[in-house]
Amino acid sequence: MNIGIRIDNNEDGYIDGPALELALRLSGAVGPDHAPIGADSYGLSISIDDEGARELLRLISKEG
């Protein structure tokens, strides 16, 4: 299972600061090996693998 997240460029053609920060924090929280960030001319994509998804659920459960 992979979870795909897409962050598209805004109307000016770039990624807004909060969206970029979200991508970086998400990848950093579960580990870049489990949630690598890809980029193309349309924006960013994050693909979270099984282990990354479990780690993300663990982190979210702690916060709640």
PDB file of N, CA and C in Angstrom:
ATOM      1  N   MET A   1       0.845  -1.177   0.000  1.00  0.00           N
ATOM      2  CA  MET A   1       0.000   0.000   0.000  1.00  0.00           C
ATOM      3  C   MET A   1       0.891   1.241   0.000  1.00  0.00           C
ATOM      4  N   ASN A   2       0.578   2.167  -0.834  1.00  0.00           N
ATOM      5  CA  ASN A   2       1.209   3.480  -0.823  1.00  0.00           C
ATOM      6  C   ASN A   2       0.120   4.539  -0.745  1.00  0.00           C
ATOM      7  N   ILE A   3       0.409   5.596  -0.029  1.00  0.00           N
ATOM      8  CA  ILE A   3      -0.494   6.736   0.066  1.00  0.00           C
ATOM      9  C   ILE A   3       0.154   7.865  -0.723  1.00  0.00           C
ATOM     10  N   GLY A   4      -0.549   8.367  -1.707  1.00  0.00           N
ATOM     11  CA  GLY A   4      -0.016   9.443  -2.535  1.00  0.00           C
ATOM     12  C   GLY A   4      -0.648  10.779  -2.175  1.00  0.00           C
ATOM     13  N   ILE A   5       0.200  11.774  -1.991  1.00  0.00           N
ATOM     14  CA  ILE A   5      -0.268  13.130  -1.701  1.00  0.00           C
ATOM     15  C   ILE A   5       0.305  14.045  -2.777  1.00  0.00           C
ATOM     16  N   ARG A   6      -0.535  14.879  -3.332  1.00  0.00           N
ATOM     17  CA  ARG A   6      -0.116  15.805  -4.388  1.00  0.00           C
ATOM     18  C   ARG A   6      -0.325  17.242  -3.919  1.00  0.00           C
ATOM     19  N   ILE A   7       0.685  18.064  -4.034  1.00  0.00           N
ATOM     20  CA  ILE A   7       0.589  19.491  -3.729  1.00  0.00           C
ATOM     21  C   ILE A   7       0.897  20.239  -5.017  1.00  0.00           C
ATOM     22  N   ASP A   8      -0.114  20.843  -5.598  1.00  0.00           N
ATOM     23  CA  ASP A   8       0.052  21.550  -6.869  1.00  0.00           C
ATOM     24  C   ASP A   8       0.555  22.971  -6.659  1.00  0.00           C
ATOM     25  N   ASN A   9       1.247  23.474  -7.659  1.00  0.00           N
ATOM     26  CA  ASN A   9       1.676  24.872  -7.651  1.00  0.00           C
ATOM     27  C   ASN A   9       0.445  25.781  -7.566  1.00  0.00           C
ATOM     28  N   ASN A  10       0.640  26.961  -7.004  1.00  0.00           N
ATOM     29  CA  ASN A  10      -0.462  27.924  -6.982  1.00  0.00           C
ATOM     30  C   ASN A  10      -0.586  28.588  -8.354  1.00  0.00           C
ATOM     31  N   GLU A  11      -1.509  29.515  -8.481  1.00  0.00           N
ATOM     32  CA  GLU A  11      -1.759  30.151  -9.781  1.00  0.00           C
ATOM     33  C   GLU A  11      -0.560  30.938 -10.304  1.00  0.00           C
ATOM     34  N   ASP A  12       0.381  31.292  -9.419  1.00  0.00           N
ATOM     35  CA  ASP A  12       1.585  32.004  -9.849  1.00  0.00           C
ATOM     36  C   ASP A  12       2.708  31.055 -10.264  1.00  0.00           C
ATOM     37  N   GLY A  13       2.471  29.746 -10.108  1.00  0.00           N
ATOM     38  CA  GLY A  13       3.443  28.769 -10.561  1.00  0.00           C
ATOM     39  C   GLY A  13       4.452  28.308  -9.534  1.00  0.00           C
ATOM     40  N   TYR A  14       4.180  28.545  -8.250  1.00  0.00           N
ATOM     41  CA  TYR A  14       5.106  28.064  -7.228  1.00  0.00           C
ATOM     42  C   TYR A  14       4.336  27.475  -6.048  1.00  0.00           C
ATOM     43  N   ILE A  15       5.071  26.803  -5.167  1.00  0.00           N
ATOM     44  CA  ILE A  15       4.479  26.183  -3.977  1.00  0.00           C
ATOM     45  C   ILE A  15       4.465  27.223  -2.858  1.00  0.00           C
ATOM     46  N   ASP A  16       3.310  27.409  -2.242  1.00  0.00           N
ATOM     47  CA  ASP A  16       3.203  28.326  -1.105  1.00  0.00           C
ATOM     48  C   ASP A  16       4.039  27.804   0.070  1.00  0.00           C
ATOM     49  N   GLY A  17       4.513  28.720   0.903  1.00  0.00           N
ATOM     50  CA  GLY A  17       5.335  28.373   2.058  1.00  0.00           C
ATOM     51  C   GLY A  17       4.713  27.317   2.967  1.00  0.00           C
ATOM     52  N   PRO A  18       3.453  27.494   3.410  1.00  0.00           N
ATOM     53  CA  PRO A  18       2.850  26.494   4.287  1.00  0.00           C
ATOM     54  C   PRO A  18       2.740  25.110   3.636  1.00  0.00           C
ATOM     55  N   ALA A  19       2.465  25.055   2.347  1.00  0.00           N
ATOM     56  CA  ALA A  19       2.367  23.767   1.658  1.00  0.00           C
ATOM     57  C   ALA A  19       3.736  23.093   1.588  1.00  0.00           C
ATOM     58  N   LEU A  20       4.772  23.849   1.318  1.00  0.00           N
ATOM     59  CA  LEU A  20       6.122  23.302   1.287  1.00  0.00           C
ATOM     60  C   LEU A  20       6.529  22.823   2.676  1.00  0.00           C
ATOM     61  N   GLU A  21       6.220  23.610   3.692  1.00  0.00           N
ATOM     62  CA  GLU A  21       6.546  23.213   5.064  1.00  0.00           C
ATOM     63  C   GLU A  21       5.822  21.925   5.444  1.00  0.00           C
ATOM     64  N   LEU A  22       4.564  21.798   5.050  1.00  0.00           N
ATOM     65  CA  LEU A  22       3.806  20.577   5.321  1.00  0.00           C
ATOM     66  C   LEU A  22       4.485  19.365   4.681  1.00  0.00           C
ATOM     67  N   ALA A  23       4.888  19.489   3.437  1.00  0.00           N
ATOM     68  CA  ALA A  23       5.553  18.383   2.746  1.00  0.00           C
ATOM     69  C   ALA A  23       6.858  17.996   3.449  1.00  0.00           C
ATOM     70  N   LEU A  24       7.646  18.985   3.811  1.00  0.00           N
ATOM     71  CA  LEU A  24       8.918  18.708   4.470  1.00  0.00           C
ATOM     72  C   LEU A  24       8.727  18.094   5.848  1.00  0.00           C
ATOM     73  N   ARG A  25       7.765  18.614   6.606  1.00  0.00           N
ATOM     74  CA  ARG A  25       7.519  18.069   7.947  1.00  0.00           C
ATOM     75  C   ARG A  25       6.959  16.653   7.885  1.00  0.00           C
ATOM     76  N   LEU A  26       6.069  16.402   6.953  1.00  0.00           N
ATOM     77  CA  LEU A  26       5.501  15.073   6.809  1.00  0.00           C
ATOM     78  C   LEU A  26       6.585  14.068   6.447  1.00  0.00           C
ATOM     79  N   SER A  27       7.396  14.393   5.476  1.00  0.00           N
ATOM     80  CA  SER A  27       8.478  13.497   5.080  1.00  0.00           C
ATOM     81  C   SER A  27       9.474  13.306   6.226  1.00  0.00           C
ATOM     82  N   GLY A  28       9.784  14.377   6.927  1.00  0.00           N
ATOM     83  CA  GLY A  28      10.716  14.276   8.048  1.00  0.00           C
ATOM     84  C   GLY A  28      10.170  13.482   9.211  1.00  0.00           C
ATOM     85  N   ALA A  29       8.865  13.577   9.452  1.00  0.00           N
ATOM     86  CA  ALA A  29       8.257  12.887  10.594  1.00  0.00           C
ATOM     87  C   ALA A  29       8.286  11.379  10.434  1.00  0.00           C
ATOM     88  N   VAL A  30       8.039  10.897   9.246  1.00  0.00           N
ATOM     89  CA  VAL A  30       8.005   9.443   9.034  1.00  0.00           C
ATOM     90  C   VAL A  30       9.305   8.925   8.426  1.00  0.00           C
ATOM     91  N   GLY A  31      10.182   9.818   8.028  1.00  0.00           N
ATOM     92  CA  GLY A  31      11.466   9.435   7.459  1.00  0.00           C
ATOM     93  C   GLY A  31      11.451   9.540   5.947  1.00  0.00           C
ATOM     94  N   PRO A  32      12.466  10.177   5.382  1.00  0.00           N
ATOM     95  CA  PRO A  32      12.506  10.366   3.936  1.00  0.00           C
ATOM     96  C   PRO A  32      12.581   9.051   3.153  1.00  0.00           C
ATOM     97  N   ASP A  33      13.027   7.970   3.810  1.00  0.00           N
ATOM     98  CA  ASP A  33      13.031   6.669   3.134  1.00  0.00           C
ATOM     99  C   ASP A  33      11.621   6.127   2.971  1.00  0.00           C
ATOM    100  N   HIS A  34      10.701   6.569   3.825  1.00  0.00           N
ATOM    101  CA  HIS A  34       9.330   6.068   3.807  1.00  0.00           C
ATOM    102  C   HIS A  34       8.334   7.057   3.214  1.00  0.00           C
ATOM    103  N   ALA A  35       8.766   8.296   2.991  1.00  0.00           N
ATOM    104  CA  ALA A  35       7.891   9.307   2.392  1.00  0.00           C
ATOM    105  C   ALA A  35       8.725  10.279   1.565  1.00  0.00           C
ATOM    106  N   PRO A  36       9.294   9.782   0.462  1.00  0.00           N
ATOM    107  CA  PRO A  36      10.105  10.669  -0.361  1.00  0.00           C
ATOM    108  C   PRO A  36       9.252  11.728  -1.057  1.00  0.00           C
ATOM    109  N   ILE A  37       9.853  12.895  -1.242  1.00  0.00           N
ATOM    110  CA  ILE A  37       9.187  13.992  -1.934  1.00  0.00           C
ATOM    111  C   ILE A  37       9.721  14.050  -3.359  1.00  0.00           C
ATOM    112  N   GLY A  38       8.815  14.054  -4.311  1.00  0.00           N
ATOM    113  CA  GLY A  38       9.180  14.221  -5.716  1.00  0.00           C
ATOM    114  C   GLY A  38       8.683  15.569  -6.200  1.00  0.00           C
ATOM    115  N   ALA A  39       9.331  16.092  -7.217  1.00  0.00           N
ATOM    116  CA  ALA A  39       8.926  17.395  -7.746  1.00  0.00           C
ATOM    117  C   ALA A  39       8.906  17.335  -9.275  1.00  0.00           C
ATOM    118  N   ASP A  40       7.955  18.062  -9.827  1.00  0.00           N
ATOM    119  CA  ASP A  40       7.919  18.257 -11.270  1.00  0.00           C
ATOM    120  C   ASP A  40       7.456  19.681 -11.530  1.00  0.00           C
ATOM    121  N   SER A  41       7.230  20.021 -12.768  1.00  0.00           N
ATOM    122  CA  SER A  41       6.884  21.407 -13.097  1.00  0.00           C
ATOM    123  C   SER A  41       5.489  21.803 -12.601  1.00  0.00           C
ATOM    124  N   TYR A  42       4.709  20.841 -12.138  1.00  0.00           N
ATOM    125  CA  TYR A  42       3.354  21.133 -11.668  1.00  0.00           C
ATOM    126  C   TYR A  42       3.228  21.191 -10.155  1.00  0.00           C
ATOM    127  N   GLY A  43       4.248  20.730  -9.426  1.00  0.00           N
ATOM    128  CA  GLY A  43       4.182  20.756  -7.973  1.00  0.00           C
ATOM    129  C   GLY A  43       4.980  19.639  -7.333  1.00  0.00           C
ATOM    130  N   LEU A  44       4.528  19.221  -6.155  1.00  0.00           N
ATOM    131  CA  LEU A  44       5.216  18.201  -5.372  1.00  0.00           C
ATOM    132  C   LEU A  44       4.335  16.973  -5.211  1.00  0.00           C
ATOM    133  N   SER A  45       4.971  15.832  -5.031  1.00  0.00           N
ATOM    134  CA  SER A  45       4.232  14.619  -4.702  1.00  0.00           C
ATOM    135  C   SER A  45       4.979  13.902  -3.583  1.00  0.00           C
ATOM    136  N   ILE A  46       4.217  13.317  -2.679  1.00  0.00           N
ATOM    137  CA  ILE A  46       4.770  12.549  -1.571  1.00  0.00           C
ATOM    138  C   ILE A  46       4.138  11.168  -1.649  1.00  0.00           C
ATOM    139  N   SER A  47       4.967  10.140  -1.607  1.00  0.00           N
ATOM    140  CA  SER A  47       4.474   8.775  -1.638  1.00  0.00           C
ATOM    141  C   SER A  47       4.871   8.093  -0.335  1.00  0.00           C
ATOM    142  N   ILE A  48       3.895   7.826   0.519  1.00  0.00           N
ATOM    143  CA  ILE A  48       4.148   7.239   1.834  1.00  0.00           C
ATOM    144  C   ILE A  48       3.955   5.722   1.726  1.00  0.00           C
ATOM    145  N   ASP A  49       4.977   4.960   2.124  1.00  0.00           N
ATOM    146  CA  ASP A  49       4.871   3.502   2.070  1.00  0.00           C
ATOM    147  C   ASP A  49       4.203   2.962   3.344  1.00  0.00           C
ATOM    148  N   ASP A  50       4.075   1.632   3.431  1.00  0.00           N
ATOM    149  CA  ASP A  50       3.394   0.992   4.554  1.00  0.00           C
ATOM    150  C   ASP A  50       3.985   1.391   5.903  1.00  0.00           C
ATOM    151  N   GLU A  51       5.303   1.302   6.002  1.00  0.00           N
ATOM    152  CA  GLU A  51       5.951   1.621   7.273  1.00  0.00           C
ATOM    153  C   GLU A  51       5.765   3.094   7.633  1.00  0.00           C
ATOM    154  N   GLY A  52       5.838   3.960   6.650  1.00  0.00           N
ATOM    155  CA  GLY A  52       5.602   5.379   6.881  1.00  0.00           C
ATOM    156  C   GLY A  52       4.179   5.656   7.331  1.00  0.00           C
ATOM    157  N   ALA A  53       3.210   4.937   6.742  1.00  0.00           N
ATOM    158  CA  ALA A  53       1.810   5.106   7.135  1.00  0.00           C
ATOM    159  C   ALA A  53       1.599   4.673   8.579  1.00  0.00           C
ATOM    160  N   ARG A  54       2.224   3.554   8.962  1.00  0.00           N
ATOM    161  CA  ARG A  54       2.105   3.101  10.366  1.00  0.00           C
ATOM    162  C   ARG A  54       2.716   4.117  11.321  1.00  0.00           C
ATOM    163  N   GLU A  55       3.862   4.673  10.955  1.00  0.00           N
ATOM    164  CA  GLU A  55       4.508   5.681  11.799  1.00  0.00           C
ATOM    165  C   GLU A  55       3.648   6.939  11.901  1.00  0.00           C
ATOM    166  N   LEU A  56       3.064   7.353  10.794  1.00  0.00           N
ATOM    167  CA  LEU A  56       2.197   8.526  10.807  1.00  0.00           C
ATOM    168  C   LEU A  56       0.981   8.295  11.706  1.00  0.00           C
ATOM    169  N   LEU A  57       0.377   7.122  11.621  1.00  0.00           N
ATOM    170  CA  LEU A  57      -0.751   6.790  12.502  1.00  0.00           C
ATOM    171  C   LEU A  57      -0.329   6.797  13.965  1.00  0.00           C
ATOM    172  N   ARG A  58       0.861   6.284  14.240  1.00  0.00           N
ATOM    173  CA  ARG A  58       1.368   6.284  15.622  1.00  0.00           C
ATOM    174  C   ARG A  58       1.522   7.713  16.130  1.00  0.00           C
ATOM    175  N   LEU A  59       2.082   8.584  15.296  1.00  0.00           N
ATOM    176  CA  LEU A  59       2.278   9.974  15.702  1.00  0.00           C
ATOM    177  C   LEU A  59       0.947  10.699  15.913  1.00  0.00           C
ATOM    178  N   ILE A  60       0.006  10.466  15.025  1.00  0.00           N
ATOM    179  CA  ILE A  60      -1.298  11.103  15.147  1.00  0.00           C
ATOM    180  C   ILE A  60      -2.033  10.609  16.392  1.00  0.00           C
ATOM    181  N   SER A  61      -1.912   9.328  16.687  1.00  0.00           N
ATOM    182  CA  SER A  61      -2.577   8.755  17.859  1.00  0.00           C
ATOM    183  C   SER A  61      -2.020   9.350  19.147  1.00  0.00           C
ATOM    184  N   LYS A  62      -0.726   9.634  19.182  1.00  0.00           N
ATOM    185  CA  LYS A  62      -0.111  10.251  20.359  1.00  0.00           C
ATOM    186  C   LYS A  62      -0.666  11.656  20.592  1.00  0.00           C
ATOM    187  N   GLU A  63      -0.908  12.390  19.497  1.00  0.00           N
ATOM    188  CA  GLU A  63      -1.383  13.762  19.595  1.00  0.00           C
ATOM    189  C   GLU A  63      -2.824  13.837  20.093  1.00  0.00           C
ATOM    190  N   GLY A  64      -3.635  12.836  19.757  1.00  0.00           N
ATOM    191  CA  GLY A  64      -5.041  12.856  20.109  1.00  0.00           C
ATOM    192  C   GLY A  64      -5.243  12.516  21.521  1.00  0.00           C
TER     193      GLY A  64
END
